[in-house]
Amino acid sequence: MHIFYVLLLSLFLVGCGGEPEQIIADMEASGDLPVLDRTDSVAGIDSDNNGVRDDIDNYINKTYTVSAQKSAAIQSAKVTQNSMLVDKFNKTEVEKVALEELRASNCAFYSFGSDRAGVGTMRREIRSLTTNTKIRLLSYLEFSKAMSGAALTLPKGNTCE
């Protein structure tokens, strides 16, 4: 079973477009690594109940000063959190979160304009920081597995919340 999770983790890392360890190492080198919630729960601490863990909120507020980009990062963080918390056996709810993911992705491209690299960096960082413990990463991978074979339509226009 351990080998199965290693294989899943490897597939996840390839699909993310970057290894979380490298992303975190780059953040450490630049002095931008936030103090992350390492509680033994998938949800973590969200004291203001806005759908984003407090540590991720703090990171976003520190990192993104352009209002539209900050909003896109928050939307991305919410959907990443939702993907870990959704009932993976409820196909309707899983697809709903997957559509939220597409909306967040579309919003990021809309908000970052021509800075396509900035979109990728933001989304990889948010995902890496949010899935910072084994239980969170495994939950995220379960969501990915639950989405296997689903066909969804990309949204059009401004999908920012």
Foldseek 3Di string as FASTA:
>chain_A
DVVVVVVLLVVVQVVLVHHLVVLQVVCVVVVLRWDAFPDPDLQGDDPVPPQAHPRQLVSLVVPDDPVLQSLLLVLLLNLLSLLLVDDLVPLVSLVVSVLSNLLSLVSNCVSVPPPPVVSSSSNSNSNSRSCVDPSNVVSNSSSVVSCPPDDDDRDDDNSGD
